[in-house]
PDB file of N, CA and C in Angstrom:
ATOM      1  N   MET A   1     -43.324   5.709 -18.549  1.00  0.00           N
ATOM      2  CA  MET A   1     -42.879   5.709 -16.892  1.00  0.00           C
ATOM      3  C   MET A   1     -41.479   4.899 -16.962  1.00  0.00           C
ATOM      4  N   THR A   2     -41.320   3.854 -17.498  1.00  0.00           N
ATOM      5  CA  THR A   2     -39.902   3.134 -17.604  1.00  0.00           C
ATOM      6  C   THR A   2     -39.043   3.743 -17.952  1.00  0.00           C
ATOM      7  N   SER A   3     -39.340   5.177 -19.252  1.00  0.00           N
ATOM      8  CA  SER A   3     -38.074   5.486 -19.931  1.00  0.00           C
ATOM      9  C   SER A   3     -37.437   6.556 -18.809  1.00  0.00           C
ATOM     10  N   SER A   4     -38.654   7.351 -17.891  1.00  0.00           N
ATOM     11  CA  SER A   4     -38.094   8.329 -16.779  1.00  0.00           C
ATOM     12  C   SER A   4     -37.053   7.512 -16.183  1.00  0.00           C
ATOM     13  N   ILE A   5     -37.638   6.416 -15.461  1.00  0.00           N
ATOM     14  CA  ILE A   5     -36.716   5.464 -14.308  1.00  0.00           C
ATOM     15  C   ILE A   5     -35.403   5.296 -14.861  1.00  0.00           C
ATOM     16  N   SER A   6     -35.284   4.867 -16.038  1.00  0.00           N
ATOM     17  CA  SER A   6     -33.896   4.449 -16.760  1.00  0.00           C
ATOM     18  C   SER A   6     -33.177   5.468 -16.709  1.00  0.00           C
ATOM     19  N   THR A   7     -33.860   6.752 -17.318  1.00  0.00           N
ATOM     20  CA  THR A   7     -32.930   8.045 -17.538  1.00  0.00           C
ATOM     21  C   THR A   7     -32.349   8.747 -16.003  1.00  0.00           C
ATOM     22  N   ILE A   8     -33.265   8.378 -14.889  1.00  0.00           N
ATOM     23  CA  ILE A   8     -32.812   8.876 -13.602  1.00  0.00           C
ATOM     24  C   ILE A   8     -31.670   8.002 -13.412  1.00  0.00           C
ATOM     25  N   SER A   9     -32.048   6.693 -13.520  1.00  0.00           N
ATOM     26  CA  SER A   9     -30.819   5.873 -13.067  1.00  0.00           C
ATOM     27  C   SER A   9     -29.467   6.292 -13.738  1.00  0.00           C
ATOM     28  N   GLN A  10     -29.771   6.303 -14.982  1.00  0.00           N
ATOM     29  CA  GLN A  10     -28.428   6.462 -15.933  1.00  0.00           C
ATOM     30  C   GLN A  10     -27.626   7.990 -15.242  1.00  0.00           C
ATOM     31  N   SER A  11     -28.490   8.768 -15.200  1.00  0.00           N
ATOM     32  CA  SER A  11     -28.001   9.860 -14.499  1.00  0.00           C
ATOM     33  C   SER A  11     -27.167  10.105 -13.137  1.00  0.00           C
ATOM     34  N   LYS A  12     -27.578   9.283 -12.500  1.00  0.00           N
ATOM     35  CA  LYS A  12     -26.936   8.753 -11.269  1.00  0.00           C
ATOM     36  C   LYS A  12     -25.179   8.268 -11.625  1.00  0.00           C
ATOM     37  N   VAL A  13     -24.923   7.416 -12.683  1.00  0.00           N
ATOM     38  CA  VAL A  13     -24.157   6.891 -12.527  1.00  0.00           C
ATOM     39  C   VAL A  13     -22.597   7.919 -12.986  1.00  0.00           C
ATOM     40  N   PRO A  14     -22.569   9.037 -13.793  1.00  0.00           N
ATOM     41  CA  PRO A  14     -21.745   9.908 -14.068  1.00  0.00           C
ATOM     42  C   PRO A  14     -21.599  10.558 -12.422  1.00  0.00           C
ATOM     43  N   ALA A  15     -22.356  11.021 -11.942  1.00  0.00           N
ATOM     44  CA  ALA A  15     -22.564  11.820 -10.521  1.00  0.00           C
ATOM     45  C   ALA A  15     -21.565  10.802  -9.934  1.00  0.00           C
ATOM     46  N   THR A  16     -21.853   9.883  -9.697  1.00  0.00           N
ATOM     47  CA  THR A  16     -21.173   8.640  -8.571  1.00  0.00           C
ATOM     48  C   THR A  16     -19.725   8.529  -9.168  1.00  0.00           C
ATOM     49  N   GLN A  17     -19.857   8.465 -10.307  1.00  0.00           N
ATOM     50  CA  GLN A  17     -18.298   8.070 -10.868  1.00  0.00           C
ATOM     51  C   GLN A  17     -17.513   9.611 -10.807  1.00  0.00           C
ATOM     52  N   ALA A  18     -18.008  11.006 -10.886  1.00  0.00           N
ATOM     53  CA  ALA A  18     -17.532  11.972 -10.749  1.00  0.00           C
ATOM     54  C   ALA A  18     -17.194  12.286  -9.073  1.00  0.00           C
ATOM     55  N   LEU A  19     -17.773  11.796  -8.252  1.00  0.00           N
ATOM     56  CA  LEU A  19     -17.535  11.720  -6.856  1.00  0.00           C
ATOM     57  C   LEU A  19     -16.362  10.760  -6.494  1.00  0.00           C
ATOM     58  N   ASP A  20     -16.192   9.617  -7.575  1.00  0.00           N
ATOM     59  CA  ASP A  20     -15.322   8.773  -7.095  1.00  0.00           C
ATOM     60  C   ASP A  20     -13.761   9.073  -7.392  1.00  0.00           C
ATOM     61  N   ALA A  21     -13.928   9.993  -8.528  1.00  0.00           N
ATOM     62  CA  ALA A  21     -12.793  10.337  -9.106  1.00  0.00           C
ATOM     63  C   ALA A  21     -11.277  10.752  -8.063  1.00  0.00           C
ATOM     64  N   PRO A  22     -11.827  11.668  -7.386  1.00  0.00           N
ATOM     65  CA  PRO A  22     -11.262  12.231  -6.361  1.00  0.00           C
ATOM     66  C   PRO A  22     -10.624  11.550  -5.417  1.00  0.00           C
ATOM     67  N   LEU A  23     -11.337  10.276  -4.703  1.00  0.00           N
ATOM     68  CA  LEU A  23     -11.166   9.625  -3.962  1.00  0.00           C
ATOM     69  C   LEU A  23     -10.194   8.506  -4.446  1.00  0.00           C
ATOM     70  N   ARG A  24      -9.830   8.105  -5.985  1.00  0.00           N
ATOM     71  CA  ARG A  24      -9.363   7.308  -6.213  1.00  0.00           C
ATOM     72  C   ARG A  24      -7.737   7.802  -6.438  1.00  0.00           C
ATOM     73  N   LYS A  25      -8.063   8.979  -6.977  1.00  0.00           N
ATOM     74  CA  LYS A  25      -6.822   9.705  -7.095  1.00  0.00           C
ATOM     75  C   LYS A  25      -6.013   9.938  -6.005  1.00  0.00           C
ATOM     76  N   ALA A  26      -6.778  10.079  -4.843  1.00  0.00           N
ATOM     77  CA  ALA A  26      -6.068  10.434  -3.387  1.00  0.00           C
ATOM     78  C   ALA A  26      -5.484   8.972  -2.702  1.00  0.00           C
ATOM     79  N   ALA A  27      -6.154   7.921  -3.042  1.00  0.00           N
ATOM     80  CA  ALA A  27      -5.939   6.598  -2.556  1.00  0.00           C
ATOM     81  C   ALA A  27      -4.805   6.328  -3.465  1.00  0.00           C
ATOM     82  N   MET A  28      -4.480   6.525  -4.638  1.00  0.00           N
ATOM     83  CA  MET A  28      -3.302   6.462  -5.686  1.00  0.00           C
ATOM     84  C   MET A  28      -2.183   7.174  -4.967  1.00  0.00           C
ATOM     85  N   ASP A  29      -2.169   8.194  -4.767  1.00  0.00           N
ATOM     86  CA  ASP A  29      -1.108   9.114  -4.302  1.00  0.00           C
ATOM     87  C   ASP A  29      -0.597   8.769  -3.007  1.00  0.00           C
ATOM     88  N   LEU A  30      -1.634   8.332  -2.067  1.00  0.00           N
ATOM     89  CA  LEU A  30      -1.030   7.932  -0.859  1.00  0.00           C
ATOM     90  C   LEU A  30      -0.253   6.568  -0.740  1.00  0.00           C
ATOM     91  N   GLU A  31      -0.977   5.906  -2.134  1.00  0.00           N
ATOM     92  CA  GLU A  31       0.041   4.327  -2.007  1.00  0.00           C
ATOM     93  C   GLU A  31       1.324   4.824  -2.714  1.00  0.00           C
ATOM     94  N   ALA A  32       1.276   5.847  -3.477  1.00  0.00           N
ATOM     95  CA  ALA A  32       2.581   6.371  -4.179  1.00  0.00           C
ATOM     96  C   ALA A  32       3.693   6.894  -3.119  1.00  0.00           C
ATOM     97  N   ALA A  33       2.892   7.755  -2.375  1.00  0.00           N
ATOM     98  CA  ALA A  33       4.017   7.878  -1.447  1.00  0.00           C
ATOM     99  C   ALA A  33       4.470   6.987  -0.424  1.00  0.00           C
ATOM    100  N   PHE A  34       3.812   5.877  -0.159  1.00  0.00           N
ATOM    101  CA  PHE A  34       3.792   4.793   0.891  1.00  0.00           C
ATOM    102  C   PHE A  34       5.138   4.007  -0.101  1.00  0.00           C
ATOM    103  N   LEU A  35       5.000   3.634  -1.200  1.00  0.00           N
ATOM    104  CA  LEU A  35       5.896   2.860  -1.830  1.00  0.00           C
ATOM    105  C   LEU A  35       6.999   4.078  -2.260  1.00  0.00           C
ATOM    106  N   ALA A  36       6.930   4.875  -2.069  1.00  0.00           N
ATOM    107  CA  ALA A  36       8.284   5.980  -2.628  1.00  0.00           C
ATOM    108  C   ALA A  36       9.226   5.587  -1.327  1.00  0.00           C
ATOM    109  N   GLU A  37       8.424   5.827  -0.112  1.00  0.00           N
ATOM    110  CA  GLU A  37       9.308   5.583   1.530  1.00  0.00           C
ATOM    111  C   GLU A  37       9.609   4.272   1.529  1.00  0.00           C
ATOM    112  N   MET A  38       9.056   3.530   1.143  1.00  0.00           N
ATOM    113  CA  MET A  38       9.374   1.872   1.095  1.00  0.00           C
ATOM    114  C   MET A  38      10.932   1.862  -0.060  1.00  0.00           C
ATOM    115  N   LEU A  39      10.859   2.410  -1.056  1.00  0.00           N
ATOM    116  CA  LEU A  39      11.942   2.323  -1.973  1.00  0.00           C
ATOM    117  C   LEU A  39      13.316   2.843  -1.390  1.00  0.00           C
ATOM    118  N   LYS A  40      12.950   4.260  -0.729  1.00  0.00           N
ATOM    119  CA  LYS A  40      14.235   4.844   0.065  1.00  0.00           C
ATOM    120  C   LYS A  40      14.629   4.168   1.114  1.00  0.00           C
ATOM    121  N   SER A  41      13.956   3.289   1.933  1.00  0.00           N
ATOM    122  CA  SER A  41      14.049   2.419   2.914  1.00  0.00           C
ATOM    123  C   SER A  41      15.003   1.439   2.491  1.00  0.00           C
ATOM    124  N   ALA A  42      14.587   0.893   1.465  1.00  0.00           N
ATOM    125  CA  ALA A  42      15.378   0.006   0.849  1.00  0.00           C
ATOM    126  C   ALA A  42      16.603   0.135   0.139  1.00  0.00           C
ATOM    127  N   GLY A  43      16.876   1.350   0.210  1.00  0.00           N
ATOM    128  CA  GLY A  43      18.333   2.101  -0.367  1.00  0.00           C
ATOM    129  C   GLY A  43      18.241   2.430  -1.567  1.00  0.00           C
ATOM    130  N   LEU A  44      17.225   2.419  -2.225  1.00  0.00           N
ATOM    131  CA  LEU A  44      17.109   2.741  -3.691  1.00  0.00           C
ATOM    132  C   LEU A  44      17.346   4.261  -3.640  1.00  0.00           C
ATOM    133  N   GLY A  45      18.071   4.798  -4.478  1.00  0.00           N
ATOM    134  CA  GLY A  45      18.443   6.581  -4.746  1.00  0.00           C
ATOM    135  C   GLY A  45      19.456   6.964  -3.804  1.00  0.00           C
ATOM    136  N   LYS A  46      20.403   5.957  -3.044  1.00  0.00           N
ATOM    137  CA  LYS A  46      21.677   6.232  -2.187  1.00  0.00           C
ATOM    138  C   LYS A  46      22.735   6.625  -3.391  1.00  0.00           C
ATOM    139  N   SER A  47      23.426   7.572  -3.046  1.00  0.00           N
ATOM    140  CA  SER A  47      24.587   7.734  -3.802  1.00  0.00           C
ATOM    141  C   SER A  47      25.797   6.855  -3.373  1.00  0.00           C
ATOM    142  N   ARG A  48      26.439   6.452  -4.512  1.00  0.00           N
ATOM    143  CA  ARG A  48      27.392   5.377  -4.726  1.00  0.00           C
ATOM    144  C   ARG A  48      28.664   6.100  -4.060  1.00  0.00           C
ATOM    145  N   ASP A  49      29.414   5.231  -3.480  1.00  0.00           N
ATOM    146  CA  ASP A  49      30.676   5.890  -3.161  1.00  0.00           C
ATOM    147  C   ASP A  49      31.533   6.140  -4.013  1.00  0.00           C
ATOM    148  N   SER A  50      32.083   4.876  -4.886  1.00  0.00           N
ATOM    149  CA  SER A  50      32.772   5.294  -5.772  1.00  0.00           C
ATOM    150  C   SER A  50      31.825   5.245  -7.352  1.00  0.00           C
ATOM    151  N   MET A  51      32.399   6.517  -7.710  1.00  0.00           N
ATOM    152  CA  MET A  51      31.934   6.637  -9.250  1.00  0.00           C
ATOM    153  C   MET A  51      30.562   6.951  -9.323  1.00  0.00           C
ATOM    154  N   GLY A  52      30.177   7.616  -8.185  1.00  0.00           N
ATOM    155  CA  GLY A  52      28.733   7.933  -8.406  1.00  0.00           C
ATOM    156  C   GLY A  52      28.703   9.459  -9.134  1.00  0.00           C
ATOM    157  N   GLY A  53      27.248   9.912  -9.167  1.00  0.00           N
ATOM    158  CA  GLY A  53      26.745  11.279 -10.056  1.00  0.00           C
ATOM    159  C   GLY A  53      27.088  12.186  -9.427  1.00  0.00           C
ATOM    160  N   GLY A  54      27.417  12.459  -7.787  1.00  0.00           N
ATOM    161  CA  GLY A  54      27.808  13.486  -7.111  1.00  0.00           C
ATOM    162  C   GLY A  54      26.268  14.217  -6.662  1.00  0.00           C
ATOM    163  N   VAL A  55      26.416  15.371  -6.742  1.00  0.00           N
ATOM    164  CA  VAL A  55      25.312  16.369  -6.125  1.00  0.00           C
ATOM    165  C   VAL A  55      24.126  16.217  -6.835  1.00  0.00           C
ATOM    166  N   GLY A  56      24.382  16.208  -8.197  1.00  0.00           N
ATOM    167  CA  GLY A  56      22.892  16.106  -8.810  1.00  0.00           C
ATOM    168  C   GLY A  56      22.449  14.916  -9.008  1.00  0.00           C
ATOM    169  N   GLU A  57      23.121  13.855  -8.522  1.00  0.00           N
ATOM    170  CA  GLU A  57      22.479  12.382  -8.584  1.00  0.00           C
ATOM    171  C   GLU A  57      21.690  12.348  -7.383  1.00  0.00           C
ATOM    172  N   ASP A  58      22.281  12.833  -5.951  1.00  0.00           N
ATOM    173  CA  ASP A  58      21.243  13.205  -5.126  1.00  0.00           C
ATOM    174  C   ASP A  58      20.226  13.923  -4.937  1.00  0.00           C
ATOM    175  N   GLN A  59      20.329  15.102  -5.757  1.00  0.00           N
ATOM    176  CA  GLN A  59      19.296  15.889  -5.831  1.00  0.00           C
ATOM    177  C   GLN A  59      17.958  15.104  -6.991  1.00  0.00           C
ATOM    178  N   PHE A  60      18.352  14.578  -7.738  1.00  0.00           N
ATOM    179  CA  PHE A  60      17.200  13.983  -8.806  1.00  0.00           C
ATOM    180  C   PHE A  60      16.858  12.765  -8.170  1.00  0.00           C
ATOM    181  N   SER A  61      17.708  12.166  -7.490  1.00  0.00           N
ATOM    182  CA  SER A  61      17.130  10.625  -7.180  1.00  0.00           C
ATOM    183  C   SER A  61      15.821  10.466  -6.401  1.00  0.00           C
ATOM    184  N   SER A  62      15.392  11.365  -5.808  1.00  0.00           N
ATOM    185  CA  SER A  62      14.029  11.801  -5.023  1.00  0.00           C
ATOM    186  C   SER A  62      13.285  11.827  -6.282  1.00  0.00           C
ATOM    187  N   LEU A  63      13.485  12.455  -7.173  1.00  0.00           N
ATOM    188  CA  LEU A  63      12.443  12.575  -8.231  1.00  0.00           C
ATOM    189  C   LEU A  63      12.062  11.423  -9.002  1.00  0.00           C
ATOM    190  N   LEU A  64      13.205  10.360  -9.033  1.00  0.00           N
ATOM    191  CA  LEU A  64      13.454   9.304  -9.889  1.00  0.00           C
ATOM    192  C   LEU A  64      12.476   8.088  -8.956  1.00  0.00           C
ATOM    193  N   ILE A  65      12.937   8.307  -7.462  1.00  0.00           N
ATOM    194  CA  ILE A  65      11.936   7.262  -6.866  1.00  0.00           C
ATOM    195  C   ILE A  65      10.548   7.724  -6.827  1.00  0.00           C
ATOM    196  N   ARG A  66      10.352   8.825  -6.665  1.00  0.00           N
ATOM    197  CA  ARG A  66       8.865   9.374  -6.607  1.00  0.00           C
ATOM    198  C   ARG A  66       8.256   8.994  -8.050  1.00  0.00           C
ATOM    199  N   ALA A  67       8.919   9.212  -9.176  1.00  0.00           N
ATOM    200  CA  ALA A  67       8.306   8.687 -10.372  1.00  0.00           C
ATOM    201  C   ALA A  67       8.109   7.296 -10.583  1.00  0.00           C
ATOM    202  N   GLN A  68       8.828   6.403 -10.116  1.00  0.00           N
ATOM    203  CA  GLN A  68       8.789   4.816  -9.903  1.00  0.00           C
ATOM    204  C   GLN A  68       7.674   4.302  -9.133  1.00  0.00           C
ATOM    205  N   ALA A  69       7.849   4.974  -8.026  1.00  0.00           N
ATOM    206  CA  ALA A  69       6.513   4.950  -6.966  1.00  0.00           C
ATOM    207  C   ALA A  69       5.147   4.893  -7.351  1.00  0.00           C
ATOM    208  N   ASP A  70       5.085   6.010  -8.509  1.00  0.00           N
ATOM    209  CA  ASP A  70       3.850   6.138  -9.151  1.00  0.00           C
ATOM    210  C   ASP A  70       3.485   5.433 -10.420  1.00  0.00           C
ATOM    211  N   GLN A  71       4.433   4.945 -10.848  1.00  0.00           N
ATOM    212  CA  GLN A  71       4.307   4.214 -12.084  1.00  0.00           C
ATOM    213  C   GLN A  71       3.779   2.807 -11.219  1.00  0.00           C
ATOM    214  N   MET A  72       4.486   2.281 -10.223  1.00  0.00           N
ATOM    215  CA  MET A  72       4.154   1.179  -9.679  1.00  0.00           C
ATOM    216  C   MET A  72       2.555   1.251  -9.053  1.00  0.00           C
ATOM    217  N   ALA A  73       2.262   2.128  -8.384  1.00  0.00           N
ATOM    218  CA  ALA A  73       0.979   2.553  -7.771  1.00  0.00           C
ATOM    219  C   ALA A  73      -0.081   2.251  -9.210  1.00  0.00           C
ATOM    220  N   GLN A  74       0.126   3.280 -10.253  1.00  0.00           N
ATOM    221  CA  GLN A  74      -0.936   3.003 -11.228  1.00  0.00           C
ATOM    222  C   GLN A  74      -0.820   1.505 -12.023  1.00  0.00           C
ATOM    223  N   SER A  75       0.205   0.756 -11.925  1.00  0.00           N
ATOM    224  CA  SER A  75       0.103  -0.557 -12.593  1.00  0.00           C
ATOM    225  C   SER A  75      -0.392  -1.521 -11.288  1.00  0.00           C
ATOM    226  N   GLY A  76      -1.088  -1.431 -10.193  1.00  0.00           N
ATOM    227  CA  GLY A  76      -1.405  -2.187  -9.522  1.00  0.00           C
ATOM    228  C   GLY A  76      -1.033  -2.058  -8.052  1.00  0.00           C
ATOM    229  N   GLY A  77       0.315  -1.693  -8.120  1.00  0.00           N
ATOM    230  CA  GLY A  77       0.993  -1.696  -6.891  1.00  0.00           C
ATOM    231  C   GLY A  77       0.992  -2.772  -5.971  1.00  0.00           C
ATOM    232  N   ILE A  78       0.674  -2.394  -4.719  1.00  0.00           N
ATOM    233  CA  ILE A  78       0.428  -3.612  -3.522  1.00  0.00           C
ATOM    234  C   ILE A  78      -1.079  -3.868  -3.190  1.00  0.00           C
ATOM    235  N   GLY A  79      -1.898  -3.199  -3.870  1.00  0.00           N
ATOM    236  CA  GLY A  79      -3.065  -3.324  -3.488  1.00  0.00           C
ATOM    237  C   GLY A  79      -3.722  -2.462  -2.398  1.00  0.00           C
ATOM    238  N   LEU A  80      -2.743  -1.372  -1.613  1.00  0.00           N
ATOM    239  CA  LEU A  80      -3.192  -0.581  -0.893  1.00  0.00           C
ATOM    240  C   LEU A  80      -3.888   0.534  -1.352  1.00  0.00           C
ATOM    241  N   ALA A  81      -4.120   1.158  -2.577  1.00  0.00           N
ATOM    242  CA  ALA A  81      -4.744   2.133  -3.176  1.00  0.00           C
ATOM    243  C   ALA A  81      -6.144   1.695  -3.356  1.00  0.00           C
ATOM    244  N   GLU A  82      -6.631   0.485  -3.781  1.00  0.00           N
ATOM    245  CA  GLU A  82      -7.738  -0.257  -3.822  1.00  0.00           C
ATOM    246  C   GLU A  82      -8.514  -0.151  -2.566  1.00  0.00           C
ATOM    247  N   SER A  83      -7.756  -0.845  -1.694  1.00  0.00           N
ATOM    248  CA  SER A  83      -8.302  -1.072  -0.194  1.00  0.00           C
ATOM    249  C   SER A  83      -8.686   0.364   0.032  1.00  0.00           C
ATOM    250  N   LEU A  84      -7.941   1.381   0.334  1.00  0.00           N
ATOM    251  CA  LEU A  84      -8.285   2.672   0.513  1.00  0.00           C
ATOM    252  C   LEU A  84      -9.075   3.306   0.032  1.00  0.00           C
ATOM    253  N   PHE A  85      -9.215   3.326  -1.389  1.00  0.00           N
ATOM    254  CA  PHE A  85     -10.440   3.744  -2.102  1.00  0.00           C
ATOM    255  C   PHE A  85     -11.696   3.248  -2.004  1.00  0.00           C
ATOM    256  N   GLU A  86     -11.866   2.106  -1.533  1.00  0.00           N
ATOM    257  CA  GLU A  86     -13.065   1.101  -1.009  1.00  0.00           C
ATOM    258  C   GLU A  86     -13.461   1.679   0.555  1.00  0.00           C
ATOM    259  N   ALA A  87     -12.606   1.808   1.142  1.00  0.00           N
ATOM    260  CA  ALA A  87     -12.918   2.242   2.883  1.00  0.00           C
ATOM    261  C   ALA A  87     -13.264   3.982   2.474  1.00  0.00           C
ATOM    262  N   LEU A  88     -12.687   4.730   1.678  1.00  0.00           N
ATOM    263  CA  LEU A  88     -13.166   6.091   1.440  1.00  0.00           C
ATOM    264  C   LEU A  88     -14.420   6.329   1.075  1.00  0.00           C
ATOM    265  N   LYS A  89     -14.832   5.312  -0.399  1.00  0.00           N
ATOM    266  CA  LYS A  89     -15.914   5.414  -0.657  1.00  0.00           C
ATOM    267  C   LYS A  89     -17.155   5.053   0.372  1.00  0.00           C
ATOM    268  N   GLU A  90     -16.567   3.727   0.570  1.00  0.00           N
ATOM    269  CA  GLU A  90     -18.056   3.398   1.909  1.00  0.00           C
ATOM    270  C   GLU A  90     -18.136   4.648   3.095  1.00  0.00           C
ATOM    271  N   ALA A  91     -16.753   5.004   3.465  1.00  0.00           N
ATOM    272  CA  ALA A  91     -16.997   6.439   4.616  1.00  0.00           C
ATOM    273  C   ALA A  91     -17.756   7.517   3.711  1.00  0.00           C
ATOM    274  N   ASN A  92     -17.592   7.818   2.612  1.00  0.00           N
ATOM    275  CA  ASN A  92     -18.011   8.858   1.992  1.00  0.00           C
ATOM    276  C   ASN A  92     -19.900   8.634   1.824  1.00  0.00           C
ATOM    277  N   HIS A  93     -20.202   7.444   1.490  1.00  0.00           N
ATOM    278  CA  HIS A  93     -21.717   7.116   1.389  1.00  0.00           C
ATOM    279  C   HIS A  93     -22.267   7.220   2.484  1.00  0.00           C
ATOM    280  N   GLU A  94     -21.304   6.667   3.889  1.00  0.00           N
ATOM    281  CA  GLU A  94     -22.419   6.790   5.061  1.00  0.00           C
ATOM    282  C   GLU A  94     -22.858   8.207   5.520  1.00  0.00           C
ATOM    283  N   ARG A  95     -22.075   9.122   4.951  1.00  0.00           N
ATOM    284  CA  ARG A  95     -22.525  10.654   5.241  1.00  0.00           C
ATOM    285  C   ARG A  95     -23.644  11.189   4.739  1.00  0.00           C
TER     286      ARG A  95
END
């Protein structure tokens, strides 16, 4: 009897983790988007007046900003993703 209970409880863990993975990804993506906007507001990616990269620099600067924001979010960011994840997880479990 004890072995069947432990088997049932162990089978719930992967299912919960499988449901949490999309929530965590959504929270990370949202934090990365927020950080990208903050970096743009701070002036990162603006073309320089003298000796700038021209049109190419302007086109690719948004990709650089997004990549930097993604890396910041994956490295812990400002904690927004974790807060969002916990809130989404709680709201999801209440349903």
